[in-house]
Amino acid sequence: MVVVMKAGTPAVEIDKMQENLESIGCTVHRSQGENYCLLGLIGDTRKVNQSQLEANVFVEKILRVQHPFKLASRVFHPQDSIIEVDGVKIGGGNIAIMAGPCSVESEEQLMTIARSVKEVGAQILRGGAYKPRTSPYSFQGLGEEGLKLLKKAKAETGMPIVTEVMCLENFDVVEAYADILQIGARNMQNFSLLKKAGKSNKPILLKRGLSATIEELLMSAEYIMSEGNTKVILCERGIRTFETYTRNTLDLSAIPAIKELSHLPIIVDPSHAAGRWAMVEPLSKASIAVGADGLIIEVHHEPEKALSDGAQSLKPKKFVQLMDKINRIAKIY
């Protein structure tokens, strides 16, 4: 339930309304802009007398939220949320580009890539220190040593860092280094991890699960937000279908759908969606055209030697070409 207050309602009356609602056991989330104020009610709203609320001269209307996700709903928060990280804005018409290697492999590798993507306009450096791999024999990442290298790359380039946190055991160490904490597709419904992320003050990049519906993605975001952390960035990275030519199937329709349902920013990962470097550019262009708030792209200067996901990584020269085309598309939309 959402109580929409009339424009110009005195702050003291809004405070009084909020106190009354909390006194009957509701948790009230206040969303206020220049010309509006919404009081979103979480919890058992059966005790709320709707007719009494509507009789209040300062109440414009009462809205019922039909979806199970409340805090992530656009009804609760009509304006787009903008997540700011070290001066980089994500959402609200801003296009954020995150780029870097799939895995941090060495200082030379990371610094080479970080400098190249920074030079052509990437704003955030991506790189995995802890890597979830399908095979236990594959490269699992450098761990904290990889985080230290990411911190060094940030010190030189000025780009904030986004990297994956895989479990509760390494959450605190990743949080200490990263500017954005990524929760990967396989952990989208790891509810203990989501609750831990909800207690963090760092923005969370939440990737859609392999076979997750849009509602399930938004409910996972709700887990994080219900614990107090409202800085959630959603990521469409492709879903599993019967198609085997590509690694996953990119669901472009999820972007406008989420824009309609939620105020949270959503970016696209075309690298994991396709699993093929030649498809990254067309999928990136399509993503920006349908309204994505940014991209997270894998770049490697020697993909043939990459320890993970070399087949889907762009070489720096290709990334330069991609950035030029993205910038032109962004100007149109």
Protein backbone atom coordinates (compact mmCIF):
# COMPACT_ATOMS: atom_id res chain seq x y z
CA MET A 1 0.00 0.00 0.00
CA VAL A 2 1.20 3.50 -0.85
CA VAL A 3 -0.20 6.69 0.65
CA VAL A 4 0.17 9.57 -1.82
CA MET A 5 0.28 12.90 -0.01
CA LYS A 6 -0.94 16.07 -1.72
CA ALA A 7 1.62 18.47 -3.15
CA GLY A 8 2.47 21.18 -0.65
CA THR A 9 1.54 19.14 2.43
CA PRO A 10 3.39 20.60 5.44
CA ALA A 11 6.27 18.45 6.70
CA VAL A 12 4.70 18.29 10.16
CA GLU A 13 1.57 16.67 8.70
CA ILE A 14 3.63 14.11 6.80
CA ASP A 15 5.55 13.29 9.99
CA LYS A 16 2.27 12.92 11.87
CA MET A 17 0.88 10.57 9.22
CA GLN A 18 4.05 8.47 9.29
CA GLU A 19 3.97 8.22 13.10
CA ASN A 20 0.32 7.13 13.04
CA LEU A 21 1.03 4.40 10.49
CA GLU A 22 4.05 3.14 12.41
CA SER A 23 2.02 3.07 15.62
CA ILE A 24 -0.22 0.33 14.17
CA GLY A 25 2.75 -1.83 13.20
CA CYS A 26 3.55 -0.76 9.64
CA THR A 27 7.07 -0.11 8.41
CA VAL A 28 6.96 3.14 6.46
CA HIS A 29 9.36 3.97 3.63
CA ARG A 30 9.25 7.63 2.69
CA SER A 31 9.91 8.66 -0.91
CA GLN A 32 9.91 12.40 -1.38
CA GLY A 33 10.65 14.64 -4.36
CA GLU A 34 10.17 18.27 -5.22
CA ASN A 35 6.45 17.94 -5.92
CA TYR A 36 5.45 14.67 -4.32
CA CYS A 37 5.65 12.55 -1.18
CA LEU A 38 4.85 8.84 -1.01
CA LEU A 39 4.57 6.78 2.16
CA GLY A 40 5.09 3.13 1.29
CA LEU A 41 3.77 0.63 3.80
CA ILE A 42 5.55 -2.68 4.35
CA GLY A 43 4.19 -5.48 6.49
CA ASP A 44 0.67 -6.47 7.54
CA THR A 45 -1.52 -3.63 6.25
CA ARG A 46 -4.81 -5.24 7.32
CA LYS A 47 -4.95 -2.93 10.32
CA VAL A 48 -4.88 0.12 8.08
CA ASN A 49 -8.29 1.74 7.72
CA GLN A 50 -8.22 2.94 4.12
CA SER A 51 -11.38 5.02 4.39
CA GLN A 52 -9.94 6.95 7.34
CA LEU A 53 -6.78 7.65 5.39
CA GLU A 54 -8.74 8.86 2.37
CA ALA A 55 -10.70 11.22 4.64
CA ASN A 56 -7.49 13.01 5.62
CA VAL A 57 -7.37 16.37 3.83
CA PHE A 58 -3.66 15.96 3.08
CA VAL A 59 -4.02 12.55 1.38
CA GLU A 60 -4.44 12.60 -2.39
CA LYS A 61 -5.04 8.87 -2.93
CA ILE A 62 -4.21 5.35 -1.79
CA LEU A 63 -2.50 2.90 -4.14
CA ARG A 64 -2.38 -0.87 -3.79
CA VAL A 65 0.90 -2.45 -4.90
CA GLN A 66 0.05 -5.55 -6.92
CA HIS A 67 3.56 -6.98 -7.10
CA PRO A 68 5.27 -8.87 -4.27
CA PHE A 69 8.33 -6.61 -4.57
CA LYS A 70 7.54 -3.35 -2.82
CA LEU A 71 10.73 -1.36 -2.31
CA ALA A 72 11.94 -2.14 -5.83
CA SER A 73 8.58 -1.14 -7.33
CA ARG A 74 8.17 2.03 -9.35
CA VAL A 75 4.88 2.62 -7.52
CA PHE A 76 6.89 3.16 -4.33
CA HIS A 77 9.50 5.30 -6.08
CA PRO A 78 8.22 6.90 -9.31
CA GLN A 79 11.50 8.57 -10.28
CA ASP A 80 14.49 6.60 -11.57
CA SER A 81 17.04 5.82 -8.89
CA ILE A 82 20.53 7.07 -9.62
CA ILE A 83 23.43 5.22 -8.01
CA GLU A 84 26.57 7.33 -7.72
CA VAL A 85 30.00 5.75 -7.27
CA ASP A 86 33.02 8.03 -7.01
CA GLY A 87 31.30 10.59 -9.21
CA VAL A 88 30.05 8.05 -11.77
CA LYS A 89 26.26 8.10 -12.08
CA ILE A 90 24.34 4.95 -12.99
CA GLY A 91 20.68 5.37 -13.95
CA GLY A 92 18.46 8.32 -14.73
CA GLY A 93 19.62 8.67 -18.33
CA ASN A 94 23.32 8.27 -17.56
CA ILE A 95 25.18 5.56 -19.50
CA ALA A 96 27.81 3.84 -17.34
CA ILE A 97 30.45 1.64 -19.00
CA MET A 98 32.18 -1.00 -16.89
CA ALA A 99 35.06 -2.77 -18.62
CA GLY A 100 38.05 -4.95 -17.85
CA PRO A 101 39.20 -8.57 -17.79
CA CYS A 102 37.06 -11.49 -16.72
CA SER A 103 39.76 -12.48 -14.23
CA VAL A 104 42.67 -10.62 -12.70
CA GLU A 105 45.65 -12.72 -13.80
CA SER A 106 48.70 -10.54 -13.12
CA GLU A 107 49.68 -6.95 -12.47
CA GLU A 108 50.93 -6.47 -16.03
CA GLN A 109 47.74 -7.90 -17.53
CA LEU A 110 45.42 -5.83 -15.35
CA MET A 111 47.28 -2.54 -15.68
CA THR A 112 47.54 -2.89 -19.46
CA ILE A 113 43.81 -3.44 -19.81
CA ALA A 114 42.84 -0.83 -17.21
CA ARG A 115 44.84 1.89 -18.96
CA SER A 116 43.41 1.01 -22.37
CA VAL A 117 39.74 1.00 -21.33
CA LYS A 118 40.15 4.18 -19.29
CA GLU A 119 41.67 5.97 -22.27
CA VAL A 120 38.57 5.48 -24.43
CA GLY A 121 35.92 6.31 -21.86
CA ALA A 122 35.23 3.37 -19.56
CA GLN A 123 34.24 4.74 -16.15
CA ILE A 124 34.37 1.65 -13.94
CA LEU A 125 36.95 -1.16 -13.89
CA ARG A 126 35.65 -4.72 -13.75
CA GLY A 127 37.79 -7.71 -12.84
CA GLY A 128 37.29 -10.97 -10.99
CA ALA A 129 39.45 -11.84 -7.99
CA TYR A 130 37.27 -14.76 -6.90
CA LYS A 131 35.84 -16.71 -9.84
CA PRO A 132 32.89 -19.13 -9.78
CA ARG A 133 33.74 -21.76 -12.37
CA THR A 134 31.71 -24.70 -13.61
CA SER A 135 34.74 -26.97 -13.34
CA PRO A 136 36.67 -27.25 -10.05
CA TYR A 137 39.86 -27.60 -12.13
CA SER A 138 39.50 -24.23 -13.86
CA PHE A 139 41.28 -21.07 -12.73
CA GLN A 140 39.54 -19.87 -9.56
CA GLY A 141 41.07 -16.41 -9.35
CA LEU A 142 43.89 -14.84 -7.32
CA GLY A 143 41.74 -14.09 -4.28
CA GLU A 144 42.87 -11.21 -2.08
CA GLU A 145 46.01 -10.75 -4.17
CA GLY A 146 43.71 -9.97 -7.11
CA LEU A 147 41.84 -7.44 -4.98
CA LYS A 148 45.11 -5.72 -4.14
CA LEU A 149 45.94 -5.44 -7.83
CA LEU A 150 42.51 -3.97 -8.53
CA LYS A 151 43.10 -1.39 -5.81
CA LYS A 152 46.44 -0.52 -7.40
CA ALA A 153 44.76 -0.12 -10.81
CA LYS A 154 42.18 2.20 -9.24
CA ALA A 155 44.94 4.30 -7.67
CA GLU A 156 46.51 4.85 -11.09
CA THR A 157 43.42 5.24 -13.29
CA GLY A 158 40.92 6.70 -10.84
CA MET A 159 38.27 4.18 -11.92
CA PRO A 160 36.13 2.65 -9.17
CA ILE A 161 36.16 -1.16 -8.97
CA VAL A 162 33.36 -3.68 -9.45
CA THR A 163 34.19 -7.27 -8.53
CA GLU A 164 32.27 -10.37 -7.50
CA VAL A 165 31.64 -11.54 -3.97
CA MET A 166 30.93 -15.27 -3.98
CA CYS A 167 30.13 -16.23 -0.40
CA LEU A 168 29.73 -15.06 3.17
CA GLU A 169 33.25 -16.22 4.01
CA ASN A 170 34.97 -13.71 1.71
CA PHE A 171 32.32 -10.97 1.82
CA ASP A 172 34.13 -8.70 4.27
CA VAL A 173 37.47 -8.83 2.46
CA VAL A 174 35.87 -8.08 -0.92
CA GLU A 175 33.82 -5.27 0.61
CA ALA A 176 36.99 -3.68 1.98
CA TYR A 177 38.49 -3.34 -1.53
CA ALA A 178 35.56 -2.99 -3.94
CA ASP A 179 33.44 0.05 -4.74
CA ILE A 180 30.61 -2.05 -6.19
CA LEU A 181 29.93 -5.60 -5.02
CA GLN A 182 28.77 -7.95 -7.75
CA ILE A 183 26.47 -10.86 -6.94
CA GLY A 184 26.69 -13.30 -9.81
CA ALA A 185 23.98 -15.21 -11.62
CA ARG A 186 24.55 -18.39 -9.62
CA ASN A 187 24.10 -16.48 -6.37
CA MET A 188 21.02 -14.46 -7.32
CA GLN A 189 18.93 -16.54 -4.92
CA ASN A 190 21.58 -17.08 -2.27
CA PHE A 191 19.38 -15.38 0.31
CA SER A 192 21.96 -15.35 3.09
CA LEU A 193 24.37 -13.54 0.77
CA LEU A 194 21.62 -11.12 -0.32
CA LYS A 195 20.82 -10.26 3.29
CA LYS A 196 24.50 -9.68 4.02
CA ALA A 197 24.68 -7.39 0.98
CA GLY A 198 21.66 -5.56 2.33
CA LYS A 199 23.63 -4.59 5.43
CA SER A 200 26.52 -3.19 3.36
CA ASN A 201 26.86 0.48 2.48
CA LYS A 202 28.35 -0.40 -0.92
CA PRO A 203 26.29 -0.48 -4.14
CA ILE A 204 25.32 -3.99 -5.24
CA LEU A 205 25.39 -5.18 -8.87
CA LEU A 206 22.84 -7.99 -8.97
CA LYS A 207 22.95 -10.30 -11.98
CA ARG A 208 19.91 -12.17 -13.23
CA GLY A 209 20.00 -15.90 -12.59
CA LEU A 210 20.46 -18.46 -15.34
CA SER A 211 16.75 -19.29 -15.51
CA ALA A 212 15.27 -16.55 -13.35
CA THR A 213 12.12 -14.64 -14.23
CA ILE A 214 12.02 -10.85 -14.08
CA GLU A 215 9.91 -11.06 -10.93
CA GLU A 216 12.44 -13.38 -9.27
CA LEU A 217 15.23 -10.91 -10.09
CA LEU A 218 13.26 -8.05 -8.55
CA MET A 219 12.43 -10.17 -5.49
CA SER A 220 16.16 -10.80 -5.01
CA ALA A 221 16.68 -7.04 -5.18
CA GLU A 222 13.91 -6.73 -2.57
CA TYR A 223 15.89 -9.01 -0.23
CA ILE A 224 18.82 -6.59 -0.37
CA MET A 225 16.69 -3.46 -0.06
CA SER A 226 14.63 -4.82 2.83
CA GLU A 227 17.83 -4.97 4.89
CA GLY A 228 18.46 -1.25 4.32
CA ASN A 229 20.70 -1.05 1.25
CA THR A 230 18.75 0.67 -1.53
CA LYS A 231 21.78 1.03 -3.85
CA VAL A 232 21.00 -1.88 -6.16
CA ILE A 233 21.99 -2.06 -9.84
CA LEU A 234 20.33 -4.84 -11.84
CA CYS A 235 22.12 -6.71 -14.62
CA GLU A 236 20.63 -8.63 -17.53
CA ARG A 237 23.24 -11.17 -18.62
CA GLY A 238 21.24 -13.62 -20.66
CA ILE A 239 19.15 -16.61 -19.63
CA ARG A 240 19.39 -20.31 -20.37
CA THR A 241 17.21 -21.51 -23.25
CA PHE A 242 17.26 -24.48 -25.63
CA GLU A 243 19.64 -22.56 -27.93
CA THR A 244 23.23 -23.85 -27.90
CA TYR A 245 24.91 -21.61 -30.50
CA THR A 246 25.35 -18.85 -27.93
CA ARG A 247 26.37 -19.23 -24.31
CA ASN A 248 23.04 -17.74 -23.17
CA THR A 249 20.12 -15.93 -24.78
CA LEU A 250 20.12 -12.18 -24.15
CA ASP A 251 16.65 -11.06 -23.08
CA LEU A 252 16.48 -7.49 -24.37
CA SER A 253 12.78 -7.31 -23.50
CA ALA A 254 13.75 -7.44 -19.81
CA ILE A 255 15.14 -3.90 -20.01
CA PRO A 256 11.93 -2.02 -20.90
CA ALA A 257 9.95 -4.42 -18.70
CA ILE A 258 12.08 -3.63 -15.67
CA LYS A 259 11.98 0.08 -16.51
CA GLU A 260 8.19 -0.16 -16.29
CA LEU A 261 8.13 -2.21 -13.10
CA SER A 262 11.03 -0.77 -11.14
CA HIS A 263 12.96 2.43 -10.48
CA LEU A 264 16.28 0.58 -10.17
CA PRO A 265 18.92 1.05 -12.89
CA ILE A 266 19.61 -1.91 -15.17
CA ILE A 267 22.76 -2.60 -17.18
CA VAL A 268 23.56 -5.37 -19.66
CA ASP A 269 26.41 -7.88 -19.83
CA PRO A 270 26.71 -8.74 -23.55
CA SER A 271 29.91 -10.74 -23.02
CA HIS A 272 28.31 -13.47 -20.91
CA ALA A 273 25.07 -13.27 -22.87
CA ALA A 274 26.68 -14.39 -26.12
CA GLY A 275 29.93 -16.02 -25.11
CA ARG A 276 31.32 -14.84 -28.47
CA TRP A 277 33.35 -11.66 -28.88
CA ALA A 278 31.95 -10.96 -32.37
CA MET A 279 28.44 -10.64 -30.94
CA VAL A 280 29.33 -8.23 -28.14
CA GLU A 281 29.13 -5.10 -30.32
CA PRO A 282 25.66 -5.70 -31.86
CA LEU A 283 24.21 -6.77 -28.51
CA SER A 284 25.73 -3.71 -26.82
CA LYS A 285 24.24 -1.36 -29.40
CA ALA A 286 20.83 -3.00 -29.09
CA SER A 287 20.98 -2.78 -25.30
CA ILE A 288 21.62 0.97 -25.31
CA ALA A 289 18.91 1.46 -27.94
CA VAL A 290 16.24 -0.21 -25.77
CA GLY A 291 17.15 1.86 -22.71
CA ALA A 292 19.89 0.11 -20.72
CA ASP A 293 21.65 2.31 -18.17
CA GLY A 294 25.04 0.89 -19.05
CA LEU A 295 27.15 -2.09 -20.04
CA ILE A 296 29.66 -4.38 -18.35
CA ILE A 297 32.11 -5.68 -20.95
CA GLU A 298 35.04 -8.07 -20.85
CA VAL A 299 38.24 -6.75 -22.45
CA HIS A 300 41.57 -8.56 -22.76
CA HIS A 301 44.66 -7.55 -24.73
CA GLU A 302 45.60 -11.21 -25.29
CA PRO A 303 42.32 -13.17 -25.17
CA GLU A 304 43.95 -16.23 -26.68
CA LYS A 305 46.05 -16.46 -23.49
CA ALA A 306 43.26 -15.53 -21.04
CA LEU A 307 42.80 -17.88 -18.09
CA SER A 308 39.01 -17.50 -18.31
CA ASP A 309 36.45 -16.48 -20.95
CA GLY A 310 38.89 -15.41 -23.64
CA ALA A 311 36.40 -16.30 -26.38
CA GLN A 312 34.01 -13.57 -25.28
CA SER A 313 36.57 -10.85 -24.53
CA LEU A 314 37.11 -7.88 -26.83
CA LYS A 315 40.59 -6.76 -27.74
CA PRO A 316 41.27 -3.08 -26.87
CA LYS A 317 41.06 -2.06 -30.54
CA LYS A 318 37.58 -3.56 -30.83
CA PHE A 319 36.58 -1.89 -27.58
CA VAL A 320 37.60 1.49 -29.02
CA GLN A 321 35.31 0.91 -32.01
CA LEU A 322 32.49 -0.21 -29.73
CA MET A 323 32.74 2.89 -27.53
CA ASP A 324 32.52 5.16 -30.57
CA LYS A 325 29.30 3.47 -31.74
CA ILE A 326 27.77 3.38 -28.26
CA ASN A 327 28.39 7.09 -27.81
CA ARG A 328 26.67 7.85 -31.11
CA ILE A 329 23.64 5.71 -30.23
CA ALA A 330 23.41 7.27 -26.75
CA LYS A 331 23.18 10.74 -28.33
CA ILE A 332 20.18 9.65 -30.39
CA TYR A 333 18.28 8.26 -27.40
